[in-house]
Amino acid sequence: MSFSACDVVPFTQARAKLSDLADQAKAGAEKIITKNGESYVALIDADRLDYYHRLEREHIHLLLIDDARRGLADIAAGRSVEADGAIARIQQRRAAGAAKIARTNKSAKKRG
């Protein structure tokens, strides 16, 4: 949805005309309330807000389904590893990195 200049309302004006702006929002308009020249909040119909939230949930569900599809394709193609083995390798890399940092710090203390 695009906004026109009449859809952008300064906060002070919105406070004075809240009832009128609410009626416009209920009729389908979406208002951007600004504060200090920056967008601050939006005024929209509650049913439309609920609709936006439902769309967002559906989008998240579609992303999860796509992730699951890609995961199953990876398993079918043999591009997967057991979780326990992957976690063990990560822990080994972290331990090796921590040991390297400790050696570097110890070496720096001897020089300093």
N, C-alpha and C. Protein backbone atom coordinates (compact mmCIF):
# COMPACT_ATOMS: atom_id res chain seq x y z
N MET A 1 0.85 -1.17 0.00
CA MET A 1 0.00 0.00 0.00
C MET A 1 0.90 1.23 0.00
N SER A 2 0.56 2.21 -0.80
CA SER A 2 1.33 3.45 -0.83
C SER A 2 0.63 4.49 0.05
N PHE A 3 1.42 5.42 0.53
CA PHE A 3 0.90 6.47 1.40
C PHE A 3 0.96 7.80 0.68
N SER A 4 -0.02 8.63 0.95
CA SER A 4 -0.01 10.00 0.42
C SER A 4 0.32 10.94 1.57
N ALA A 5 0.50 12.20 1.25
CA ALA A 5 0.85 13.19 2.26
C ALA A 5 -0.21 13.27 3.35
N CYS A 6 -1.47 13.06 3.00
CA CYS A 6 -2.53 13.16 4.02
C CYS A 6 -2.54 11.95 4.97
N ASP A 7 -1.78 10.91 4.63
CA ASP A 7 -1.70 9.74 5.50
C ASP A 7 -0.59 9.88 6.54
N VAL A 8 0.23 10.92 6.42
CA VAL A 8 1.31 11.18 7.36
C VAL A 8 0.88 12.35 8.24
N VAL A 9 0.78 12.08 9.54
CA VAL A 9 0.21 13.06 10.46
C VAL A 9 1.18 13.30 11.62
N PRO A 10 1.51 14.55 11.90
CA PRO A 10 2.35 14.84 13.07
C PRO A 10 1.64 14.43 14.36
N PHE A 11 2.41 14.03 15.35
CA PHE A 11 1.88 13.56 16.61
C PHE A 11 0.93 14.57 17.26
N THR A 12 1.31 15.83 17.27
CA THR A 12 0.46 16.85 17.91
C THR A 12 -0.88 16.96 17.20
N GLN A 13 -0.87 16.87 15.87
CA GLN A 13 -2.11 16.93 15.11
C GLN A 13 -2.93 15.66 15.35
N ALA A 14 -2.27 14.52 15.43
CA ALA A 14 -2.97 13.25 15.66
C ALA A 14 -3.68 13.26 17.01
N ARG A 15 -3.02 13.83 17.99
CA ARG A 15 -3.63 13.92 19.33
C ARG A 15 -4.92 14.74 19.26
N ALA A 16 -4.90 15.82 18.50
CA ALA A 16 -6.07 16.70 18.41
C ALA A 16 -7.18 16.09 17.56
N LYS A 17 -6.82 15.23 16.62
CA LYS A 17 -7.82 14.69 15.69
C LYS A 17 -7.95 13.17 15.80
N LEU A 18 -7.67 12.60 16.96
CA LEU A 18 -7.63 11.15 17.10
C LEU A 18 -8.93 10.48 16.68
N SER A 19 -10.05 11.03 17.09
CA SER A 19 -11.34 10.42 16.75
C SER A 19 -11.54 10.36 15.23
N ASP A 20 -11.23 11.46 14.55
CA ASP A 20 -11.36 11.51 13.09
C ASP A 20 -10.39 10.53 12.42
N LEU A 21 -9.16 10.48 12.91
CA LEU A 21 -8.17 9.56 12.34
C LEU A 21 -8.58 8.11 12.56
N ALA A 22 -9.14 7.83 13.74
CA ALA A 22 -9.61 6.47 14.02
C ALA A 22 -10.73 6.07 13.08
N ASP A 23 -11.65 6.99 12.79
CA ASP A 23 -12.73 6.71 11.84
C ASP A 23 -12.17 6.44 10.45
N GLN A 24 -11.16 7.21 10.05
CA GLN A 24 -10.54 6.99 8.74
C GLN A 24 -9.84 5.63 8.69
N ALA A 25 -9.17 5.26 9.79
CA ALA A 25 -8.51 3.95 9.84
C ALA A 25 -9.54 2.83 9.77
N LYS A 26 -10.64 2.98 10.47
CA LYS A 26 -11.70 1.97 10.43
C LYS A 26 -12.25 1.82 9.02
N ALA A 27 -12.25 2.92 8.26
CA ALA A 27 -12.75 2.91 6.88
C ALA A 27 -11.71 2.36 5.90
N GLY A 28 -10.50 2.04 6.38
CA GLY A 28 -9.50 1.43 5.50
C GLY A 28 -8.22 2.22 5.32
N ALA A 29 -8.18 3.45 5.78
CA ALA A 29 -6.96 4.25 5.64
C ALA A 29 -5.93 3.78 6.67
N GLU A 30 -4.68 3.93 6.33
CA GLU A 30 -3.60 3.66 7.27
C GLU A 30 -2.84 4.96 7.46
N LYS A 31 -2.67 5.35 8.69
CA LYS A 31 -2.04 6.63 9.01
C LYS A 31 -0.68 6.37 9.65
N ILE A 32 0.29 7.16 9.26
CA ILE A 32 1.61 7.15 9.88
C ILE A 32 1.68 8.38 10.77
N ILE A 33 1.89 8.17 12.06
CA ILE A 33 2.01 9.27 13.01
C ILE A 33 3.51 9.55 13.18
N THR A 34 3.88 10.81 13.01
CA THR A 34 5.29 11.18 13.11
C THR A 34 5.54 11.92 14.42
N LYS A 35 6.77 11.82 14.88
CA LYS A 35 7.19 12.55 16.08
C LYS A 35 8.57 13.10 15.78
N ASN A 36 8.72 14.42 15.91
CA ASN A 36 9.98 15.09 15.58
C ASN A 36 10.41 14.82 14.14
N GLY A 37 9.42 14.73 13.25
CA GLY A 37 9.70 14.55 11.83
C GLY A 37 10.02 13.12 11.41
N GLU A 38 10.02 12.19 12.33
CA GLU A 38 10.33 10.78 12.03
C GLU A 38 9.07 9.94 12.22
N SER A 39 8.89 8.87 11.40
CA SER A 39 7.75 8.00 11.62
C SER A 39 7.86 7.38 13.01
N TYR A 40 6.74 7.33 13.69
CA TYR A 40 6.72 6.92 15.10
C TYR A 40 5.82 5.70 15.31
N VAL A 41 4.56 5.80 14.92
CA VAL A 41 3.61 4.69 15.03
C VAL A 41 2.66 4.73 13.84
N ALA A 42 1.90 3.64 13.68
CA ALA A 42 0.90 3.58 12.62
C ALA A 42 -0.47 3.39 13.25
N LEU A 43 -1.47 3.93 12.61
CA LEU A 43 -2.85 3.77 13.04
C LEU A 43 -3.58 3.03 11.93
N ILE A 44 -4.00 1.79 12.24
CA ILE A 44 -4.71 0.98 11.26
C ILE A 44 -5.90 0.29 11.92
N ASP A 45 -6.80 -0.21 11.12
CA ASP A 45 -7.96 -0.94 11.60
C ASP A 45 -7.50 -2.22 12.30
N ALA A 46 -8.12 -2.57 13.42
CA ALA A 46 -7.73 -3.75 14.20
C ALA A 46 -7.89 -5.03 13.38
N ASP A 47 -8.93 -5.12 12.55
CA ASP A 47 -9.11 -6.31 11.71
C ASP A 47 -7.97 -6.45 10.71
N ARG A 48 -7.51 -5.33 10.17
CA ARG A 48 -6.40 -5.37 9.22
C ARG A 48 -5.12 -5.79 9.93
N LEU A 49 -4.91 -5.32 11.15
CA LEU A 49 -3.74 -5.72 11.93
C LEU A 49 -3.77 -7.23 12.17
N ASP A 50 -4.93 -7.75 12.52
CA ASP A 50 -5.08 -9.20 12.71
C ASP A 50 -4.75 -9.94 11.42
N TYR A 51 -5.21 -9.42 10.30
CA TYR A 51 -4.91 -10.02 8.99
C TYR A 51 -3.40 -10.02 8.73
N TYR A 52 -2.73 -8.91 9.03
CA TYR A 52 -1.28 -8.83 8.85
C TYR A 52 -0.57 -9.88 9.71
N HIS A 53 -1.04 -10.07 10.94
CA HIS A 53 -0.44 -11.06 11.82
C HIS A 53 -0.64 -12.48 11.28
N ARG A 54 -1.83 -12.75 10.75
CA ARG A 54 -2.08 -14.07 10.15
C ARG A 54 -1.16 -14.30 8.96
N LEU A 55 -0.98 -13.28 8.12
CA LEU A 55 -0.06 -13.40 6.98
C LEU A 55 1.37 -13.70 7.45
N GLU A 56 1.78 -13.03 8.50
CA GLU A 56 3.13 -13.24 9.03
C GLU A 56 3.29 -14.68 9.52
N ARG A 57 2.29 -15.20 10.24
CA ARG A 57 2.35 -16.60 10.72
C ARG A 57 2.39 -17.57 9.55
N GLU A 58 1.58 -17.32 8.52
CA GLU A 58 1.59 -18.19 7.34
C GLU A 58 2.95 -18.15 6.66
N HIS A 59 3.55 -16.99 6.58
CA HIS A 59 4.87 -16.86 5.97
C HIS A 59 5.90 -17.67 6.75
N ILE A 60 5.84 -17.59 8.08
CA ILE A 60 6.76 -18.37 8.91
C ILE A 60 6.55 -19.86 8.68
N HIS A 61 5.30 -20.29 8.60
CA HIS A 61 5.02 -21.71 8.35
C HIS A 61 5.57 -22.15 7.00
N LEU A 62 5.42 -21.32 5.99
CA LEU A 62 5.97 -21.66 4.67
C LEU A 62 7.49 -21.77 4.71
N LEU A 63 8.14 -20.88 5.45
CA LEU A 63 9.60 -20.96 5.59
C LEU A 63 10.01 -22.25 6.30
N LEU A 64 9.26 -22.64 7.34
CA LEU A 64 9.57 -23.88 8.05
C LEU A 64 9.39 -25.10 7.15
N ILE A 65 8.33 -25.09 6.35
CA ILE A 65 8.10 -26.20 5.41
C ILE A 65 9.23 -26.27 4.40
N ASP A 66 9.67 -25.11 3.90
CA ASP A 66 10.77 -25.09 2.94
C ASP A 66 12.06 -25.61 3.59
N ASP A 67 12.32 -25.21 4.83
CA ASP A 67 13.51 -25.72 5.55
C ASP A 67 13.44 -27.24 5.69
N ALA A 68 12.27 -27.75 6.05
CA ALA A 68 12.10 -29.20 6.20
C ALA A 68 12.31 -29.91 4.87
N ARG A 69 11.77 -29.32 3.79
CA ARG A 69 11.95 -29.92 2.46
C ARG A 69 13.43 -29.99 2.09
N ARG A 70 14.16 -28.88 2.34
CA ARG A 70 15.59 -28.87 2.03
C ARG A 70 16.36 -29.86 2.90
N GLY A 71 15.95 -29.98 4.17
CA GLY A 71 16.59 -30.94 5.07
C GLY A 71 16.39 -32.37 4.60
N LEU A 72 15.19 -32.69 4.18
CA LEU A 72 14.92 -34.04 3.67
C LEU A 72 15.70 -34.31 2.39
N ALA A 73 15.83 -33.29 1.54
CA ALA A 73 16.62 -33.44 0.31
C ALA A 73 18.09 -33.67 0.65
N ASP A 74 18.60 -32.97 1.67
CA ASP A 74 19.98 -33.18 2.11
C ASP A 74 20.19 -34.60 2.62
N ILE A 75 19.23 -35.09 3.39
CA ILE A 75 19.34 -36.46 3.90
C ILE A 75 19.33 -37.45 2.75
N ALA A 76 18.42 -37.26 1.80
CA ALA A 76 18.32 -38.17 0.65
C ALA A 76 19.60 -38.15 -0.18
N ALA A 77 20.27 -37.00 -0.25
CA ALA A 77 21.49 -36.87 -1.06
C ALA A 77 22.74 -37.24 -0.26
N GLY A 78 22.57 -37.62 1.02
CA GLY A 78 23.72 -38.00 1.83
C GLY A 78 24.52 -36.81 2.34
N ARG A 79 23.92 -35.64 2.38
CA ARG A 79 24.62 -34.44 2.85
C ARG A 79 24.27 -34.13 4.31
N SER A 80 24.26 -35.17 5.15
CA SER A 80 23.92 -34.95 6.54
C SER A 80 24.89 -35.72 7.43
N VAL A 81 24.98 -35.30 8.68
CA VAL A 81 25.81 -35.98 9.67
C VAL A 81 24.99 -36.17 10.93
N GLU A 82 25.40 -37.11 11.75
CA GLU A 82 24.72 -37.33 13.02
C GLU A 82 24.95 -36.14 13.94
N ALA A 83 23.95 -35.74 14.67
CA ALA A 83 24.05 -34.57 15.54
C ALA A 83 25.13 -34.74 16.60
N ASP A 84 25.21 -35.92 17.22
CA ASP A 84 26.22 -36.13 18.27
C ASP A 84 27.63 -35.93 17.74
N GLY A 85 27.91 -36.44 16.55
CA GLY A 85 29.23 -36.27 15.96
C GLY A 85 29.53 -34.82 15.62
N ALA A 86 28.53 -34.12 15.09
CA ALA A 86 28.72 -32.71 14.74
C ALA A 86 28.97 -31.88 15.99
N ILE A 87 28.24 -32.14 17.06
CA ILE A 87 28.42 -31.41 18.31
C ILE A 87 29.81 -31.69 18.88
N ALA A 88 30.24 -32.94 18.83
CA ALA A 88 31.57 -33.30 19.34
C ALA A 88 32.67 -32.56 18.57
N ARG A 89 32.53 -32.46 17.26
CA ARG A 89 33.53 -31.75 16.45
C ARG A 89 33.55 -30.25 16.79
N ILE A 90 32.39 -29.67 17.00
CA ILE A 90 32.31 -28.26 17.37
C ILE A 90 32.99 -28.04 18.72
N GLN A 91 32.72 -28.91 19.68
CA GLN A 91 33.33 -28.79 21.01
C GLN A 91 34.85 -28.94 20.93
N GLN A 92 35.32 -29.85 20.07
CA GLN A 92 36.77 -30.02 19.91
C GLN A 92 37.40 -28.76 19.32
N ARG A 93 36.75 -28.16 18.32
CA ARG A 93 37.29 -26.93 17.72
C ARG A 93 37.31 -25.79 18.74
N ARG A 94 36.26 -25.69 19.54
CA ARG A 94 36.22 -24.65 20.57
C ARG A 94 37.33 -24.85 21.60
N ALA A 95 37.52 -26.10 22.02
CA ALA A 95 38.57 -26.39 23.00
C ALA A 95 39.95 -26.09 22.42
N ALA A 96 40.16 -26.43 21.17
CA ALA A 96 41.45 -26.15 20.52
C ALA A 96 41.66 -24.64 20.42
N GLY A 97 40.62 -23.90 20.08
CA GLY A 97 40.72 -22.44 19.99
C GLY A 97 41.01 -21.82 21.34
N ALA A 98 40.36 -22.32 22.39
CA ALA A 98 40.60 -21.80 23.74
C ALA A 98 42.02 -22.10 24.19
N ALA A 99 42.52 -23.28 23.86
CA ALA A 99 43.89 -23.64 24.22
C ALA A 99 44.89 -22.75 23.50
N LYS A 100 44.62 -22.45 22.24
CA LYS A 100 45.51 -21.58 21.46
C LYS A 100 45.54 -20.18 22.07
N ILE A 101 44.39 -19.68 22.46
CA ILE A 101 44.31 -18.35 23.08
C ILE A 101 45.09 -18.35 24.39
N ALA A 102 44.94 -19.40 25.19
CA ALA A 102 45.66 -19.49 26.46
C ALA A 102 47.16 -19.50 26.23
N ARG A 103 47.63 -20.24 25.21
CA ARG A 103 49.06 -20.28 24.90
C ARG A 103 49.55 -18.92 24.46
N THR A 104 48.76 -18.22 23.65
CA THR A 104 49.13 -16.89 23.17
C THR A 104 49.22 -15.91 24.34
N ASN A 105 48.25 -15.97 25.26
CA ASN A 105 48.26 -15.09 26.43
C ASN A 105 49.45 -15.38 27.33
N LYS A 106 49.76 -16.64 27.51
CA LYS A 106 50.90 -17.05 28.35
C LYS A 106 52.20 -16.55 27.72
N SER A 107 52.32 -16.68 26.40
CA SER A 107 53.51 -16.22 25.69
C SER A 107 53.65 -14.72 25.78
N ALA A 108 52.55 -13.99 25.69
CA ALA A 108 52.58 -12.53 25.77
C ALA A 108 52.99 -12.06 27.17
N LYS A 109 52.57 -12.79 28.20
CA LYS A 109 52.93 -12.42 29.57
C LYS A 109 54.44 -12.60 29.78
N LYS A 110 55.03 -13.64 29.19
CA LYS A 110 56.47 -13.89 29.35
C LYS A 110 57.27 -12.76 28.69
N ARG A 111 56.77 -12.29 27.53
CA ARG A 111 57.49 -11.21 26.82
C ARG A 111 57.29 -9.86 27.51
N GLY A 112 56.12 -9.65 28.13
CA GLY A 112 55.78 -8.34 28.71
C GLY A 112 56.22 -8.22 30.09
